[in-house]
N, C-alpha and C. Protein backbone atom coordinates (compact mmCIF):
# COMPACT_ATOMS: atom_id res chain seq x y z
N MET A 1 -20.31 3.79 21.32
CA MET A 1 -20.96 4.40 20.17
C MET A 1 -22.31 4.92 20.63
N THR A 2 -22.64 6.16 20.22
CA THR A 2 -23.93 6.72 20.60
C THR A 2 -25.01 6.08 19.77
N VAL A 3 -26.23 6.15 20.26
CA VAL A 3 -27.35 5.49 19.59
C VAL A 3 -27.57 6.05 18.19
N PRO A 4 -27.59 7.39 17.97
CA PRO A 4 -27.77 7.86 16.59
C PRO A 4 -26.67 7.40 15.65
N LEU A 5 -25.42 7.41 16.12
CA LEU A 5 -24.32 6.94 15.28
C LEU A 5 -24.46 5.47 14.95
N ALA A 6 -24.89 4.67 15.92
CA ALA A 6 -25.09 3.25 15.68
C ALA A 6 -26.14 3.03 14.60
N GLY A 7 -27.20 3.83 14.60
CA GLY A 7 -28.23 3.71 13.58
C GLY A 7 -27.72 4.08 12.21
N ASP A 8 -26.90 5.14 12.14
CA ASP A 8 -26.33 5.56 10.85
C ASP A 8 -25.44 4.47 10.28
N VAL A 9 -24.59 3.89 11.12
CA VAL A 9 -23.68 2.83 10.66
C VAL A 9 -24.49 1.61 10.23
N GLY A 10 -25.52 1.26 10.99
CA GLY A 10 -26.34 0.11 10.65
C GLY A 10 -27.06 0.27 9.32
N ARG A 11 -27.50 1.49 9.03
CA ARG A 11 -28.19 1.73 7.77
C ARG A 11 -27.24 1.68 6.57
N SER A 12 -25.96 1.86 6.80
CA SER A 12 -25.02 1.88 5.68
C SER A 12 -24.30 0.54 5.50
N TRP A 13 -24.90 -0.54 5.97
CA TRP A 13 -24.29 -1.86 5.85
C TRP A 13 -23.96 -2.20 4.40
N TRP A 14 -24.80 -1.74 3.47
CA TRP A 14 -24.62 -2.07 2.07
C TRP A 14 -23.34 -1.45 1.50
N LEU A 15 -22.88 -0.31 2.07
CA LEU A 15 -21.62 0.28 1.62
C LEU A 15 -20.44 -0.63 1.98
N PHE A 16 -20.49 -1.22 3.17
CA PHE A 16 -19.45 -2.16 3.57
C PHE A 16 -19.46 -3.37 2.64
N LEU A 17 -20.67 -3.84 2.31
CA LEU A 17 -20.81 -4.98 1.41
C LEU A 17 -20.23 -4.64 0.03
N LEU A 18 -20.60 -3.50 -0.51
CA LEU A 18 -20.11 -3.09 -1.83
C LEU A 18 -18.59 -2.96 -1.83
N TYR A 19 -18.06 -2.29 -0.83
CA TYR A 19 -16.61 -2.11 -0.74
C TYR A 19 -15.91 -3.46 -0.60
N GLY A 20 -16.47 -4.35 0.19
CA GLY A 20 -15.89 -5.68 0.37
C GLY A 20 -15.89 -6.48 -0.93
N LEU A 21 -16.98 -6.43 -1.67
CA LEU A 21 -17.06 -7.16 -2.93
C LEU A 21 -16.07 -6.60 -3.95
N ILE A 22 -15.93 -5.28 -3.98
CA ILE A 22 -14.94 -4.67 -4.90
C ILE A 22 -13.54 -5.11 -4.51
N ALA A 23 -13.23 -5.13 -3.22
CA ALA A 23 -11.90 -5.56 -2.76
C ALA A 23 -11.65 -7.02 -3.13
N ILE A 24 -12.67 -7.87 -2.99
CA ILE A 24 -12.52 -9.28 -3.35
C ILE A 24 -12.26 -9.42 -4.85
N LEU A 25 -13.02 -8.69 -5.68
CA LEU A 25 -12.81 -8.76 -7.13
C LEU A 25 -11.42 -8.26 -7.50
N PHE A 26 -10.98 -7.16 -6.88
CA PHE A 26 -9.63 -6.64 -7.12
C PHE A 26 -8.59 -7.68 -6.73
N GLY A 27 -8.75 -8.29 -5.57
CA GLY A 27 -7.81 -9.31 -5.10
C GLY A 27 -7.76 -10.52 -6.01
N LEU A 28 -8.93 -10.97 -6.45
CA LEU A 28 -8.96 -12.12 -7.36
C LEU A 28 -8.29 -11.79 -8.69
N ALA A 29 -8.50 -10.55 -9.18
CA ALA A 29 -7.85 -10.15 -10.43
C ALA A 29 -6.33 -10.18 -10.27
N CYS A 30 -5.83 -9.73 -9.11
CA CYS A 30 -4.39 -9.76 -8.87
C CYS A 30 -3.86 -11.18 -8.82
N VAL A 31 -4.63 -12.09 -8.24
CA VAL A 31 -4.20 -13.48 -8.12
C VAL A 31 -4.29 -14.20 -9.47
N ILE A 32 -5.35 -13.94 -10.22
CA ILE A 32 -5.57 -14.63 -11.50
C ILE A 32 -4.65 -14.08 -12.59
N TRP A 33 -4.46 -12.74 -12.63
CA TRP A 33 -3.64 -12.09 -13.65
C TRP A 33 -2.55 -11.24 -12.99
N PRO A 34 -1.58 -11.85 -12.33
CA PRO A 34 -0.59 -11.04 -11.60
C PRO A 34 0.25 -10.14 -12.51
N GLY A 35 0.59 -10.60 -13.70
CA GLY A 35 1.39 -9.78 -14.61
C GLY A 35 0.64 -8.53 -15.05
N ARG A 36 -0.58 -8.71 -15.49
CA ARG A 36 -1.41 -7.58 -15.92
C ARG A 36 -1.70 -6.65 -14.74
N SER A 37 -1.92 -7.25 -13.58
CA SER A 37 -2.21 -6.45 -12.39
C SER A 37 -1.01 -5.60 -12.00
N ALA A 38 0.20 -6.15 -12.13
CA ALA A 38 1.40 -5.38 -11.81
C ALA A 38 1.51 -4.17 -12.72
N VAL A 39 1.25 -4.37 -14.01
CA VAL A 39 1.31 -3.26 -14.96
C VAL A 39 0.22 -2.23 -14.63
N ALA A 40 -0.98 -2.71 -14.31
CA ALA A 40 -2.08 -1.81 -13.97
C ALA A 40 -1.77 -1.01 -12.70
N LEU A 41 -1.16 -1.65 -11.71
CA LEU A 41 -0.81 -0.95 -10.48
C LEU A 41 0.25 0.11 -10.74
N VAL A 42 1.23 -0.20 -11.57
CA VAL A 42 2.26 0.79 -11.89
C VAL A 42 1.65 1.95 -12.67
N LEU A 43 0.75 1.65 -13.61
CA LEU A 43 0.07 2.71 -14.36
C LEU A 43 -0.74 3.61 -13.42
N ALA A 44 -1.48 2.99 -12.49
CA ALA A 44 -2.27 3.77 -11.54
C ALA A 44 -1.36 4.64 -10.67
N PHE A 45 -0.25 4.06 -10.22
CA PHE A 45 0.71 4.81 -9.41
C PHE A 45 1.31 5.94 -10.23
N GLY A 46 1.56 5.70 -11.51
CA GLY A 46 2.10 6.73 -12.39
C GLY A 46 1.13 7.89 -12.57
N ILE A 47 -0.13 7.58 -12.78
CA ILE A 47 -1.16 8.62 -12.93
C ILE A 47 -1.28 9.43 -11.64
N LEU A 48 -1.26 8.73 -10.51
CA LEU A 48 -1.30 9.41 -9.21
C LEU A 48 -0.08 10.31 -9.04
N SER A 49 1.07 9.84 -9.44
CA SER A 49 2.29 10.62 -9.34
C SER A 49 2.24 11.86 -10.24
N LEU A 50 1.71 11.70 -11.45
CA LEU A 50 1.53 12.84 -12.34
C LEU A 50 0.62 13.89 -11.72
N ALA A 51 -0.51 13.44 -11.20
CA ALA A 51 -1.47 14.36 -10.56
C ALA A 51 -0.83 15.06 -9.36
N ASP A 52 -0.10 14.32 -8.56
CA ASP A 52 0.56 14.88 -7.39
C ASP A 52 1.58 15.94 -7.81
N GLY A 53 2.35 15.64 -8.84
CA GLY A 53 3.34 16.60 -9.33
C GLY A 53 2.71 17.88 -9.85
N LEU A 54 1.63 17.73 -10.62
CA LEU A 54 0.94 18.91 -11.15
C LEU A 54 0.34 19.77 -10.03
N VAL A 55 -0.33 19.13 -9.08
CA VAL A 55 -0.90 19.88 -7.96
C VAL A 55 0.20 20.58 -7.17
N THR A 56 1.33 19.90 -6.97
CA THR A 56 2.45 20.50 -6.25
C THR A 56 2.98 21.72 -7.00
N LEU A 57 3.13 21.62 -8.32
CA LEU A 57 3.62 22.76 -9.10
C LEU A 57 2.64 23.93 -9.05
N PHE A 58 1.35 23.63 -9.10
CA PHE A 58 0.36 24.72 -9.01
C PHE A 58 0.37 25.36 -7.62
N SER A 59 0.75 24.59 -6.61
CA SER A 59 0.74 25.13 -5.24
C SER A 59 1.81 26.19 -5.01
N ILE A 60 2.82 26.25 -5.87
CA ILE A 60 3.88 27.25 -5.67
C ILE A 60 3.36 28.67 -5.89
N PHE A 61 2.22 28.81 -6.54
CA PHE A 61 1.65 30.14 -6.79
C PHE A 61 0.82 30.64 -5.60
N GLY A 62 0.63 29.80 -4.61
CA GLY A 62 -0.11 30.20 -3.42
C GLY A 62 0.71 31.11 -2.54
N ARG A 63 0.04 31.84 -1.67
CA ARG A 63 0.74 32.74 -0.77
C ARG A 63 1.22 32.04 0.48
N ASP A 64 0.40 31.18 1.03
CA ASP A 64 0.72 30.51 2.28
C ASP A 64 1.15 29.08 2.01
N ILE A 65 2.42 28.90 1.74
CA ILE A 65 2.95 27.56 1.54
C ILE A 65 3.95 27.26 2.64
N ALA A 66 3.97 25.99 3.06
CA ALA A 66 4.80 25.61 4.21
C ALA A 66 6.26 25.32 3.83
N LEU A 67 6.49 24.94 2.60
CA LEU A 67 7.84 24.57 2.16
C LEU A 67 8.40 25.62 1.22
N PRO A 68 9.72 25.69 1.10
CA PRO A 68 10.31 26.61 0.12
C PRO A 68 9.87 26.27 -1.30
N ARG A 69 9.69 27.30 -2.11
CA ARG A 69 9.22 27.09 -3.48
C ARG A 69 10.16 26.17 -4.27
N TRP A 70 11.46 26.30 -4.11
CA TRP A 70 12.41 25.48 -4.85
C TRP A 70 12.19 24.00 -4.54
N MET A 71 11.85 23.71 -3.26
CA MET A 71 11.63 22.31 -2.87
C MET A 71 10.36 21.77 -3.51
N LEU A 72 9.33 22.62 -3.56
CA LEU A 72 8.08 22.21 -4.21
C LEU A 72 8.28 21.99 -5.70
N VAL A 73 9.06 22.86 -6.34
CA VAL A 73 9.34 22.69 -7.77
C VAL A 73 10.10 21.39 -8.01
N LEU A 74 11.13 21.14 -7.20
CA LEU A 74 11.91 19.91 -7.34
C LEU A 74 11.02 18.68 -7.16
N TYR A 75 10.22 18.68 -6.09
CA TYR A 75 9.33 17.54 -5.83
C TYR A 75 8.33 17.37 -6.97
N GLY A 76 7.75 18.47 -7.42
CA GLY A 76 6.77 18.39 -8.50
C GLY A 76 7.35 17.85 -9.78
N VAL A 77 8.54 18.31 -10.15
CA VAL A 77 9.20 17.85 -11.38
C VAL A 77 9.55 16.36 -11.28
N ILE A 78 10.07 15.96 -10.13
CA ILE A 78 10.41 14.53 -9.95
C ILE A 78 9.15 13.68 -10.01
N SER A 79 8.07 14.12 -9.37
CA SER A 79 6.81 13.36 -9.41
C SER A 79 6.28 13.23 -10.83
N ILE A 80 6.34 14.33 -11.58
CA ILE A 80 5.87 14.29 -12.97
C ILE A 80 6.75 13.37 -13.81
N ALA A 81 8.06 13.47 -13.63
CA ALA A 81 8.98 12.61 -14.39
C ALA A 81 8.72 11.13 -14.08
N PHE A 82 8.56 10.81 -12.79
CA PHE A 82 8.27 9.43 -12.44
C PHE A 82 6.93 9.00 -13.05
N GLY A 83 5.93 9.87 -12.98
CA GLY A 83 4.62 9.54 -13.53
C GLY A 83 4.67 9.28 -15.02
N VAL A 84 5.39 10.12 -15.74
CA VAL A 84 5.52 9.94 -17.19
C VAL A 84 6.21 8.61 -17.49
N LEU A 85 7.31 8.34 -16.78
CA LEU A 85 8.01 7.06 -16.99
C LEU A 85 7.11 5.87 -16.67
N ALA A 86 6.35 5.97 -15.59
CA ALA A 86 5.47 4.86 -15.20
C ALA A 86 4.37 4.63 -16.22
N VAL A 87 3.86 5.70 -16.82
CA VAL A 87 2.80 5.55 -17.82
C VAL A 87 3.37 5.04 -19.14
N LEU A 88 4.56 5.54 -19.52
CA LEU A 88 5.15 5.14 -20.81
C LEU A 88 5.87 3.80 -20.76
N GLN A 89 6.47 3.47 -19.62
CA GLN A 89 7.25 2.24 -19.46
C GLN A 89 6.87 1.51 -18.17
N PRO A 90 5.63 1.03 -18.05
CA PRO A 90 5.19 0.45 -16.76
C PRO A 90 5.97 -0.79 -16.34
N VAL A 91 6.39 -1.62 -17.28
CA VAL A 91 7.12 -2.84 -16.91
C VAL A 91 8.49 -2.48 -16.34
N SER A 92 9.19 -1.57 -17.01
CA SER A 92 10.50 -1.14 -16.50
C SER A 92 10.37 -0.48 -15.13
N MET A 93 9.34 0.32 -14.95
CA MET A 93 9.15 1.00 -13.67
C MET A 93 8.77 0.00 -12.57
N ALA A 94 8.07 -1.06 -12.92
CA ALA A 94 7.76 -2.09 -11.92
C ALA A 94 9.05 -2.72 -11.43
N ASP A 95 9.95 -3.01 -12.36
CA ASP A 95 11.25 -3.55 -11.97
C ASP A 95 12.04 -2.56 -11.11
N ALA A 96 12.00 -1.28 -11.49
CA ALA A 96 12.72 -0.25 -10.73
C ALA A 96 12.16 -0.14 -9.31
N LEU A 97 10.83 -0.17 -9.19
CA LEU A 97 10.22 -0.10 -7.86
C LEU A 97 10.62 -1.31 -7.03
N LEU A 98 10.74 -2.45 -7.67
CA LEU A 98 11.14 -3.64 -6.93
C LEU A 98 12.58 -3.53 -6.45
N TRP A 99 13.44 -2.91 -7.24
CA TRP A 99 14.83 -2.70 -6.81
C TRP A 99 14.86 -1.79 -5.58
N VAL A 100 14.03 -0.74 -5.60
CA VAL A 100 13.96 0.15 -4.43
C VAL A 100 13.46 -0.63 -3.22
N LEU A 101 12.45 -1.46 -3.43
CA LEU A 101 11.92 -2.28 -2.33
C LEU A 101 12.99 -3.25 -1.83
N ALA A 102 13.75 -3.84 -2.72
CA ALA A 102 14.81 -4.77 -2.32
C ALA A 102 15.87 -4.07 -1.48
N ILE A 103 16.29 -2.89 -1.92
CA ILE A 103 17.28 -2.13 -1.15
C ILE A 103 16.72 -1.79 0.23
N TRP A 104 15.47 -1.33 0.27
CA TRP A 104 14.84 -0.98 1.54
C TRP A 104 14.76 -2.19 2.47
N LEU A 105 14.41 -3.35 1.94
CA LEU A 105 14.31 -4.55 2.77
C LEU A 105 15.66 -4.92 3.38
N VAL A 106 16.72 -4.85 2.60
CA VAL A 106 18.05 -5.18 3.12
C VAL A 106 18.45 -4.19 4.22
N ILE A 107 18.25 -2.89 3.96
CA ILE A 107 18.61 -1.87 4.96
C ILE A 107 17.75 -2.03 6.21
N ALA A 108 16.45 -2.25 6.03
CA ALA A 108 15.55 -2.43 7.18
C ALA A 108 15.92 -3.68 7.97
N GLY A 109 16.29 -4.74 7.28
CA GLY A 109 16.69 -5.97 7.96
C GLY A 109 17.94 -5.76 8.80
N ILE A 110 18.92 -5.09 8.24
CA ILE A 110 20.14 -4.79 9.00
C ILE A 110 19.81 -3.93 10.21
N ALA A 111 18.97 -2.92 10.01
CA ALA A 111 18.59 -2.03 11.12
C ALA A 111 17.89 -2.81 12.24
N ARG A 112 17.03 -3.74 11.88
CA ARG A 112 16.34 -4.54 12.91
C ARG A 112 17.32 -5.39 13.70
N ILE A 113 18.28 -5.98 13.01
CA ILE A 113 19.28 -6.81 13.70
C ILE A 113 20.13 -5.95 14.63
N VAL A 114 20.57 -4.80 14.16
CA VAL A 114 21.37 -3.89 15.00
C VAL A 114 20.55 -3.46 16.21
N PHE A 115 19.29 -3.10 15.99
CA PHE A 115 18.43 -2.70 17.10
C PHE A 115 18.26 -3.83 18.10
N ALA A 116 18.05 -5.04 17.61
CA ALA A 116 17.88 -6.20 18.50
C ALA A 116 19.12 -6.41 19.36
N VAL A 117 20.29 -6.26 18.76
CA VAL A 117 21.54 -6.42 19.53
C VAL A 117 21.64 -5.33 20.60
N GLN A 118 21.23 -4.12 20.25
CA GLN A 118 21.33 -3.01 21.20
C GLN A 118 20.38 -3.16 22.38
N VAL A 119 19.22 -3.77 22.18
CA VAL A 119 18.23 -3.86 23.27
C VAL A 119 18.17 -5.25 23.89
N ARG A 120 19.09 -6.11 23.58
CA ARG A 120 19.00 -7.50 24.03
C ARG A 120 18.99 -7.63 25.55
N LYS A 121 19.60 -6.70 26.28
CA LYS A 121 19.63 -6.79 27.74
C LYS A 121 18.39 -6.18 28.37
N VAL A 122 17.62 -5.45 27.57
CA VAL A 122 16.44 -4.76 28.10
C VAL A 122 15.15 -5.45 27.66
N VAL A 123 15.16 -6.02 26.49
CA VAL A 123 13.94 -6.60 25.91
C VAL A 123 14.10 -8.11 25.79
N ARG A 124 13.07 -8.80 26.25
CA ARG A 124 13.07 -10.25 26.08
C ARG A 124 12.48 -10.58 24.71
N GLY A 125 12.96 -11.62 24.12
CA GLY A 125 12.44 -12.03 22.82
C GLY A 125 13.05 -11.27 21.66
N GLU A 126 14.23 -10.70 21.86
CA GLU A 126 14.88 -9.95 20.79
C GLU A 126 15.18 -10.83 19.60
N TRP A 127 15.18 -12.13 19.79
CA TRP A 127 15.44 -13.05 18.68
C TRP A 127 14.39 -12.88 17.59
N GLN A 128 13.17 -12.44 17.99
CA GLN A 128 12.13 -12.21 16.99
C GLN A 128 12.50 -11.04 16.07
N LEU A 129 13.10 -10.01 16.65
CA LEU A 129 13.59 -8.89 15.84
C LEU A 129 14.71 -9.35 14.91
N VAL A 130 15.61 -10.15 15.44
CA VAL A 130 16.71 -10.67 14.63
C VAL A 130 16.14 -11.52 13.49
N LEU A 131 15.19 -12.38 13.81
CA LEU A 131 14.59 -13.24 12.78
C LEU A 131 13.87 -12.40 11.72
N SER A 132 13.12 -11.39 12.14
CA SER A 132 12.43 -10.55 11.16
C SER A 132 13.45 -9.81 10.29
N GLY A 133 14.57 -9.39 10.89
CA GLY A 133 15.62 -8.74 10.12
C GLY A 133 16.25 -9.68 9.11
N ILE A 134 16.52 -10.90 9.53
CA ILE A 134 17.11 -11.89 8.61
C ILE A 134 16.15 -12.19 7.46
N LEU A 135 14.86 -12.34 7.78
CA LEU A 135 13.87 -12.62 6.73
C LEU A 135 13.77 -11.45 5.75
N ALA A 136 13.82 -10.21 6.26
CA ALA A 136 13.77 -9.04 5.39
C ALA A 136 14.99 -9.03 4.45
N ILE A 137 16.16 -9.33 5.00
CA ILE A 137 17.38 -9.36 4.18
C ILE A 137 17.27 -10.45 3.11
N ILE A 138 16.80 -11.62 3.49
CA ILE A 138 16.66 -12.73 2.53
C ILE A 138 15.68 -12.34 1.43
N LEU A 139 14.56 -11.73 1.80
CA LEU A 139 13.57 -11.32 0.80
C LEU A 139 14.17 -10.26 -0.13
N GLY A 140 14.91 -9.32 0.43
CA GLY A 140 15.56 -8.30 -0.39
C GLY A 140 16.54 -8.92 -1.37
N ILE A 141 17.32 -9.88 -0.91
CA ILE A 141 18.29 -10.55 -1.78
C ILE A 141 17.57 -11.34 -2.87
N LEU A 142 16.46 -12.00 -2.51
CA LEU A 142 15.68 -12.73 -3.52
C LEU A 142 15.13 -11.78 -4.58
N PHE A 143 14.68 -10.59 -4.15
CA PHE A 143 14.18 -9.61 -5.12
C PHE A 143 15.30 -9.16 -6.05
N PHE A 144 16.53 -9.00 -5.51
CA PHE A 144 17.67 -8.66 -6.35
C PHE A 144 17.95 -9.78 -7.35
N ALA A 145 17.91 -11.02 -6.88
CA ALA A 145 18.26 -12.17 -7.71
C ALA A 145 17.21 -12.46 -8.78
N MET A 146 15.93 -12.29 -8.43
CA MET A 146 14.84 -12.63 -9.36
C MET A 146 13.79 -11.52 -9.35
N PRO A 147 14.10 -10.36 -9.95
CA PRO A 147 13.17 -9.23 -9.87
C PRO A 147 11.80 -9.51 -10.49
N GLY A 148 11.77 -10.22 -11.60
CA GLY A 148 10.48 -10.53 -12.22
C GLY A 148 9.58 -11.34 -11.31
N LEU A 149 10.17 -12.32 -10.66
CA LEU A 149 9.42 -13.14 -9.71
C LEU A 149 8.99 -12.31 -8.51
N GLY A 150 9.83 -11.35 -8.12
CA GLY A 150 9.52 -10.49 -6.98
C GLY A 150 8.30 -9.63 -7.24
N VAL A 151 8.19 -9.08 -8.45
CA VAL A 151 7.03 -8.26 -8.80
C VAL A 151 5.77 -9.10 -8.70
N LEU A 152 5.81 -10.31 -9.24
CA LEU A 152 4.64 -11.19 -9.19
C LEU A 152 4.29 -11.55 -7.75
N ALA A 153 5.31 -11.79 -6.93
CA ALA A 153 5.06 -12.12 -5.52
C ALA A 153 4.38 -10.97 -4.80
N VAL A 154 4.83 -9.74 -5.05
CA VAL A 154 4.22 -8.58 -4.41
C VAL A 154 2.76 -8.46 -4.83
N VAL A 155 2.49 -8.62 -6.12
CA VAL A 155 1.12 -8.51 -6.62
C VAL A 155 0.25 -9.62 -6.03
N LEU A 156 0.79 -10.83 -5.93
CA LEU A 156 0.03 -11.93 -5.33
C LEU A 156 -0.29 -11.64 -3.86
N TRP A 157 0.68 -11.09 -3.12
CA TRP A 157 0.42 -10.74 -1.71
C TRP A 157 -0.65 -9.67 -1.62
N ILE A 158 -0.59 -8.67 -2.50
CA ILE A 158 -1.62 -7.63 -2.52
C ILE A 158 -2.98 -8.26 -2.81
N GLY A 159 -3.01 -9.18 -3.77
CA GLY A 159 -4.27 -9.84 -4.12
C GLY A 159 -4.84 -10.65 -2.98
N VAL A 160 -4.01 -11.46 -2.35
CA VAL A 160 -4.49 -12.27 -1.22
C VAL A 160 -4.96 -11.37 -0.08
N GLY A 161 -4.20 -10.32 0.19
CA GLY A 161 -4.59 -9.37 1.24
C GLY A 161 -5.92 -8.71 0.93
N ALA A 162 -6.13 -8.33 -0.32
CA ALA A 162 -7.39 -7.69 -0.71
C ALA A 162 -8.56 -8.65 -0.58
N VAL A 163 -8.37 -9.92 -0.94
CA VAL A 163 -9.45 -10.90 -0.80
C VAL A 163 -9.81 -11.08 0.67
N ILE A 164 -8.82 -11.21 1.53
CA ILE A 164 -9.08 -11.36 2.97
C ILE A 164 -9.77 -10.12 3.51
N TYR A 165 -9.25 -8.94 3.16
CA TYR A 165 -9.85 -7.69 3.61
C TYR A 165 -11.29 -7.59 3.13
N GLY A 166 -11.53 -7.91 1.86
CA GLY A 166 -12.88 -7.85 1.31
C GLY A 166 -13.83 -8.80 2.02
N ALA A 167 -13.35 -10.01 2.31
CA ALA A 167 -14.19 -10.98 3.03
C ALA A 167 -14.54 -10.45 4.42
N LEU A 168 -13.60 -9.82 5.09
CA LEU A 168 -13.88 -9.23 6.40
C LEU A 168 -14.91 -8.10 6.29
N GLN A 169 -14.81 -7.30 5.23
CA GLN A 169 -15.78 -6.22 5.02
C GLN A 169 -17.18 -6.79 4.75
N VAL A 170 -17.26 -7.85 3.96
CA VAL A 170 -18.55 -8.48 3.67
C VAL A 170 -19.14 -9.05 4.96
N GLY A 171 -18.30 -9.71 5.76
CA GLY A 171 -18.78 -10.22 7.05
C GLY A 171 -19.28 -9.11 7.95
N ALA A 172 -18.57 -8.01 8.00
CA ALA A 172 -19.00 -6.87 8.81
C ALA A 172 -20.31 -6.30 8.29
N ALA A 173 -20.47 -6.27 6.97
CA ALA A 173 -21.70 -5.75 6.38
C ALA A 173 -22.90 -6.58 6.81
N PHE A 174 -22.79 -7.90 6.73
CA PHE A 174 -23.92 -8.74 7.11
C PHE A 174 -24.19 -8.68 8.60
N ARG A 175 -23.15 -8.51 9.38
CA ARG A 175 -23.35 -8.36 10.82
C ARG A 175 -24.08 -7.04 11.13
N LEU A 176 -23.66 -5.97 10.47
CA LEU A 176 -24.34 -4.69 10.65
C LEU A 176 -25.80 -4.77 10.21
N ARG A 177 -26.04 -5.45 9.11
CA ARG A 177 -27.42 -5.59 8.62
C ARG A 177 -28.26 -6.38 9.59
N ARG A 178 -27.70 -7.46 10.12
CA ARG A 178 -28.43 -8.32 11.05
C ARG A 178 -28.71 -7.59 12.36
N GLU A 179 -27.73 -6.81 12.83
CA GLU A 179 -27.89 -6.18 14.13
C GLU A 179 -28.55 -4.81 14.06
N HIS A 180 -28.76 -4.31 12.85
CA HIS A 180 -29.39 -2.99 12.73
C HIS A 180 -30.87 -3.09 13.09
N ARG A 181 -31.23 -2.29 14.03
CA ARG A 181 -32.64 -2.20 14.41
C ARG A 181 -33.05 -0.75 14.25
N PRO A 182 -34.15 -0.49 13.56
CA PRO A 182 -34.59 0.90 13.41
C PRO A 182 -34.82 1.52 14.78
N LEU A 183 -34.46 2.79 14.90
CA LEU A 183 -34.63 3.50 16.17
C LEU A 183 -36.10 3.83 16.35
N PRO A 184 -36.60 3.75 17.61
CA PRO A 184 -37.99 4.13 17.83
C PRO A 184 -38.19 5.63 17.60
N ALA A 185 -39.32 5.97 17.07
CA ALA A 185 -39.60 7.38 16.74
C ALA A 185 -39.93 8.20 17.96
């Protein structure tokens, strides 16, 4: 890191602190109110999807677009439809997203096991790939069996991750503050 850049980063320690504290508060809210947090996350995702769909539809009027217009229209309409459903029916959409996650976990788990079998003569420790595949399949099956519990589990994991991430940001902020030395003039 160059000296001027180091000074700039050191002076902005408070931004790391602020971001870390916000992440901790977000994480605690997810852990304390997982049901409400799941609905809030789906609503936020729905609003983002609506915005993405609208921007995509407006982009078809541009001259220099990379994708065919029909594809942009299709993507935009699907994004808007998903956004509307997520805003109007957030609980149902949370369950639907969990079903998609469950299907993905089962497929990903099978793919990991197949890959591990294919590379077993080349890679040592392929059992770890097999184990991760089995765990993904089990988690996917659990989400199928108990979708409501699955949504809460995902929100709790997000919350715990945010608290840990926030704590790391706060630690980095105090370290930057402690090590920041004004540059000589």
